Amino acid sequence: MLTAGSILIGIISLFILYILCKIFISPIKWLFKLTLSCIAGGAAMFVSNLLLSGLGITFSINPLTAMISGVLGIPGMVLTIILQGLL
């Protein structure tokens, strides 16, 4: 038979579980979105390398440049070209 104390403990346990899920799921979602945008940025840079290599414009594809182009999009790719020209 359930008592009021055991029901209260169950409710508190569910509340704590809910809070823990909220704390840990948010960073995982953020990390997943960042990973997907890095993959998309690397793929965009690869396709751009194929299309623009005839003009002499190439990208060095590494995790940092893929992240920059994935997060910032086309301005990130332009930034990568400018930084590559400066260095």
N, C-alpha and C. Protein backbone atom coordinates (compact mmCIF):
# COMPACT_ATOMS: atom_id res chain seq x y z
N MET A 1 0.83 -1.18 0.00
CA MET A 1 0.00 0.00 0.00
C MET A 1 0.88 1.25 0.00
N LEU A 2 0.51 2.20 -0.82
CA LEU A 2 1.27 3.43 -0.94
C LEU A 2 0.88 4.39 0.18
N THR A 3 1.91 4.99 0.73
CA THR A 3 1.66 6.00 1.76
C THR A 3 1.93 7.38 1.15
N ALA A 4 1.55 8.38 1.88
CA ALA A 4 1.75 9.75 1.41
C ALA A 4 3.24 10.05 1.27
N GLY A 5 4.05 9.49 2.14
CA GLY A 5 5.50 9.72 2.09
C GLY A 5 6.12 9.13 0.83
N SER A 6 5.72 7.91 0.46
CA SER A 6 6.31 7.29 -0.72
C SER A 6 5.82 7.99 -2.00
N ILE A 7 4.60 8.47 -2.01
CA ILE A 7 4.11 9.23 -3.17
C ILE A 7 4.87 10.54 -3.30
N LEU A 8 5.13 11.21 -2.19
CA LEU A 8 5.89 12.46 -2.19
C LEU A 8 7.32 12.22 -2.68
N ILE A 9 7.94 11.14 -2.22
CA ILE A 9 9.29 10.81 -2.67
C ILE A 9 9.29 10.53 -4.18
N GLY A 10 8.28 9.85 -4.68
CA GLY A 10 8.17 9.58 -6.12
C GLY A 10 8.04 10.86 -6.92
N ILE A 11 7.22 11.79 -6.45
CA ILE A 11 7.03 13.06 -7.15
C ILE A 11 8.32 13.88 -7.14
N ILE A 12 9.00 13.91 -6.01
CA ILE A 12 10.27 14.65 -5.92
C ILE A 12 11.32 14.01 -6.82
N SER A 13 11.34 12.68 -6.88
CA SER A 13 12.30 11.98 -7.75
C SER A 13 12.04 12.30 -9.21
N LEU A 14 10.79 12.31 -9.61
CA LEU A 14 10.45 12.66 -10.99
C LEU A 14 10.84 14.10 -11.31
N PHE A 15 10.65 15.00 -10.37
CA PHE A 15 11.03 16.40 -10.55
C PHE A 15 12.54 16.52 -10.71
N ILE A 16 13.30 15.82 -9.89
CA ILE A 16 14.77 15.86 -9.98
C ILE A 16 15.22 15.26 -11.32
N LEU A 17 14.59 14.18 -11.75
CA LEU A 17 14.92 13.58 -13.04
C LEU A 17 14.63 14.55 -14.18
N TYR A 18 13.53 15.26 -14.11
CA TYR A 18 13.18 16.26 -15.11
C TYR A 18 14.23 17.37 -15.17
N ILE A 19 14.66 17.86 -14.02
CA ILE A 19 15.67 18.92 -13.96
C ILE A 19 16.99 18.43 -14.54
N LEU A 20 17.40 17.22 -14.20
CA LEU A 20 18.65 16.67 -14.73
C LEU A 20 18.60 16.50 -16.24
N CYS A 21 17.46 16.06 -16.76
CA CYS A 21 17.31 15.93 -18.21
C CYS A 21 17.40 17.29 -18.89
N LYS A 22 16.78 18.31 -18.30
CA LYS A 22 16.85 19.66 -18.87
C LYS A 22 18.29 20.18 -18.88
N ILE A 23 19.04 19.87 -17.82
CA ILE A 23 20.42 20.35 -17.73
C ILE A 23 21.31 19.69 -18.76
N PHE A 24 21.17 18.39 -18.95
CA PHE A 24 22.09 17.66 -19.82
C PHE A 24 21.66 17.59 -21.27
N ILE A 25 20.41 17.74 -21.60
CA ILE A 25 19.96 17.62 -22.99
C ILE A 25 20.26 18.90 -23.76
N SER A 26 20.19 20.04 -23.14
CA SER A 26 20.43 21.29 -23.84
C SER A 26 21.85 21.37 -24.43
N PRO A 27 22.91 21.05 -23.68
CA PRO A 27 24.24 21.08 -24.30
C PRO A 27 24.41 20.02 -25.40
N ILE A 28 23.76 18.89 -25.26
CA ILE A 28 23.86 17.85 -26.28
C ILE A 28 23.22 18.33 -27.58
N LYS A 29 22.08 19.01 -27.49
CA LYS A 29 21.43 19.56 -28.69
C LYS A 29 22.33 20.60 -29.35
N TRP A 30 22.95 21.46 -28.54
CA TRP A 30 23.84 22.49 -29.05
C TRP A 30 25.04 21.86 -29.75
N LEU A 31 25.62 20.84 -29.14
CA LEU A 31 26.77 20.16 -29.72
C LEU A 31 26.38 19.45 -31.02
N PHE A 32 25.20 18.87 -31.07
CA PHE A 32 24.72 18.20 -32.27
C PHE A 32 24.53 19.20 -33.40
N LYS A 33 23.95 20.36 -33.11
CA LYS A 33 23.76 21.40 -34.14
C LYS A 33 25.11 21.92 -34.64
N LEU A 34 26.07 22.10 -33.72
CA LEU A 34 27.40 22.56 -34.11
C LEU A 34 28.09 21.54 -35.00
N THR A 35 27.94 20.26 -34.67
CA THR A 35 28.55 19.21 -35.48
C THR A 35 27.94 19.18 -36.88
N LEU A 36 26.62 19.28 -36.96
CA LEU A 36 25.98 19.30 -38.27
C LEU A 36 26.40 20.50 -39.10
N SER A 37 26.53 21.66 -38.48
CA SER A 37 26.93 22.85 -39.24
C SER A 37 28.40 22.74 -39.67
N CYS A 38 29.25 22.09 -38.88
CA CYS A 38 30.64 21.88 -39.29
C CYS A 38 30.72 20.94 -40.48
N ILE A 39 29.91 19.89 -40.46
CA ILE A 39 29.88 18.96 -41.60
C ILE A 39 29.38 19.67 -42.84
N ALA A 40 28.35 20.48 -42.69
CA ALA A 40 27.82 21.23 -43.83
C ALA A 40 28.84 22.24 -44.35
N GLY A 41 29.55 22.90 -43.45
CA GLY A 41 30.58 23.85 -43.86
C GLY A 41 31.73 23.18 -44.59
N GLY A 42 32.14 22.02 -44.10
CA GLY A 42 33.20 21.27 -44.79
C GLY A 42 32.76 20.82 -46.17
N ALA A 43 31.52 20.37 -46.28
CA ALA A 43 30.99 19.94 -47.58
C ALA A 43 30.90 21.14 -48.54
N ALA A 44 30.46 22.28 -48.03
CA ALA A 44 30.37 23.48 -48.88
C ALA A 44 31.75 23.92 -49.34
N MET A 45 32.74 23.81 -48.46
CA MET A 45 34.10 24.18 -48.86
C MET A 45 34.65 23.20 -49.89
N PHE A 46 34.32 21.92 -49.74
CA PHE A 46 34.78 20.92 -50.71
C PHE A 46 34.19 21.19 -52.09
N VAL A 47 32.89 21.47 -52.13
CA VAL A 47 32.24 21.77 -53.40
C VAL A 47 32.80 23.07 -54.00
N SER A 48 33.04 24.05 -53.15
CA SER A 48 33.62 25.31 -53.63
C SER A 48 35.02 25.10 -54.18
N ASN A 49 35.79 24.22 -53.55
CA ASN A 49 37.12 23.90 -54.07
C ASN A 49 37.02 23.29 -55.46
N LEU A 50 36.05 22.41 -55.65
CA LEU A 50 35.89 21.79 -56.96
C LEU A 50 35.50 22.81 -58.02
N LEU A 51 34.59 23.72 -57.66
CA LEU A 51 34.08 24.68 -58.64
C LEU A 51 35.03 25.86 -58.88
N LEU A 52 35.74 26.30 -57.86
CA LEU A 52 36.57 27.50 -57.97
C LEU A 52 38.05 27.23 -58.19
N SER A 53 38.45 25.96 -58.28
CA SER A 53 39.87 25.66 -58.44
C SER A 53 40.40 26.16 -59.79
N GLY A 54 39.55 26.24 -60.78
CA GLY A 54 39.96 26.78 -62.08
C GLY A 54 40.32 28.26 -62.00
N LEU A 55 39.74 28.97 -61.07
CA LEU A 55 40.04 30.41 -60.89
C LEU A 55 41.22 30.64 -59.96
N GLY A 56 41.73 29.58 -59.38
CA GLY A 56 42.85 29.72 -58.46
C GLY A 56 42.42 29.98 -57.03
N ILE A 57 41.15 29.84 -56.73
CA ILE A 57 40.65 30.06 -55.37
C ILE A 57 40.42 28.69 -54.74
N THR A 58 41.20 28.41 -53.72
CA THR A 58 41.03 27.13 -53.02
C THR A 58 40.99 27.38 -51.52
N PHE A 59 40.38 26.46 -50.83
CA PHE A 59 40.28 26.51 -49.37
C PHE A 59 41.12 25.38 -48.79
N SER A 60 41.73 25.65 -47.67
CA SER A 60 42.32 24.54 -46.92
C SER A 60 41.24 24.07 -45.96
N ILE A 61 40.86 22.83 -46.10
CA ILE A 61 39.75 22.29 -45.29
C ILE A 61 40.33 21.58 -44.07
N ASN A 62 40.03 22.12 -42.91
CA ASN A 62 40.38 21.50 -41.64
C ASN A 62 39.23 21.77 -40.66
N PRO A 63 39.26 21.19 -39.47
CA PRO A 63 38.11 21.38 -38.57
C PRO A 63 37.81 22.84 -38.23
N LEU A 64 38.82 23.67 -38.10
CA LEU A 64 38.58 25.07 -37.75
C LEU A 64 37.90 25.82 -38.90
N THR A 65 38.41 25.65 -40.12
CA THR A 65 37.80 26.35 -41.24
C THR A 65 36.41 25.80 -41.55
N ALA A 66 36.21 24.51 -41.34
CA ALA A 66 34.88 23.94 -41.54
C ALA A 66 33.90 24.51 -40.52
N MET A 67 34.37 24.70 -39.27
CA MET A 67 33.50 25.27 -38.24
C MET A 67 33.18 26.73 -38.56
N ILE A 68 34.18 27.48 -39.00
CA ILE A 68 33.96 28.89 -39.33
C ILE A 68 32.95 29.01 -40.47
N SER A 69 33.14 28.23 -41.52
CA SER A 69 32.22 28.33 -42.66
C SER A 69 30.86 27.73 -42.33
N GLY A 70 30.81 26.74 -41.46
CA GLY A 70 29.53 26.15 -41.09
C GLY A 70 28.70 27.06 -40.22
N VAL A 71 29.34 27.75 -39.31
CA VAL A 71 28.62 28.63 -38.39
C VAL A 71 28.29 29.96 -39.06
N LEU A 72 29.23 30.51 -39.81
CA LEU A 72 29.02 31.83 -40.40
C LEU A 72 28.47 31.80 -41.82
N GLY A 73 28.54 30.65 -42.48
CA GLY A 73 28.01 30.52 -43.83
C GLY A 73 28.97 31.11 -44.86
N ILE A 74 28.42 31.76 -45.87
CA ILE A 74 29.23 32.32 -46.96
C ILE A 74 30.18 33.40 -46.44
N PRO A 75 29.78 34.29 -45.53
CA PRO A 75 30.76 35.24 -44.99
C PRO A 75 31.94 34.54 -44.30
N GLY A 76 31.69 33.39 -43.71
CA GLY A 76 32.77 32.63 -43.10
C GLY A 76 33.73 32.09 -44.13
N MET A 77 33.20 31.69 -45.28
CA MET A 77 34.07 31.21 -46.36
C MET A 77 34.90 32.36 -46.92
N VAL A 78 34.30 33.52 -47.06
CA VAL A 78 35.03 34.70 -47.53
C VAL A 78 36.11 35.07 -46.51
N LEU A 79 35.78 35.01 -45.23
CA LEU A 79 36.75 35.29 -44.18
C LEU A 79 37.91 34.32 -44.25
N THR A 80 37.63 33.06 -44.53
CA THR A 80 38.68 32.06 -44.65
C THR A 80 39.61 32.39 -45.81
N ILE A 81 39.04 32.82 -46.94
CA ILE A 81 39.87 33.19 -48.10
C ILE A 81 40.74 34.41 -47.76
N ILE A 82 40.16 35.39 -47.08
CA ILE A 82 40.92 36.60 -46.72
C ILE A 82 42.04 36.26 -45.76
N LEU A 83 41.74 35.45 -44.76
CA LEU A 83 42.78 35.06 -43.80
C LEU A 83 43.86 34.23 -44.45
N GLN A 84 43.49 33.39 -45.39
CA GLN A 84 44.46 32.58 -46.10
C GLN A 84 45.37 33.48 -46.95
N GLY A 85 44.82 34.54 -47.51
CA GLY A 85 45.61 35.48 -48.30
C GLY A 85 46.56 36.29 -47.43
N LEU A 86 46.15 36.59 -46.20
CA LEU A 86 47.00 37.36 -45.30
C LEU A 86 48.14 36.54 -44.73
N LEU A 87 47.90 35.26 -44.55
CA LEU A 87 48.93 34.40 -43.97
C LEU A 87 49.70 33.79 -45.07
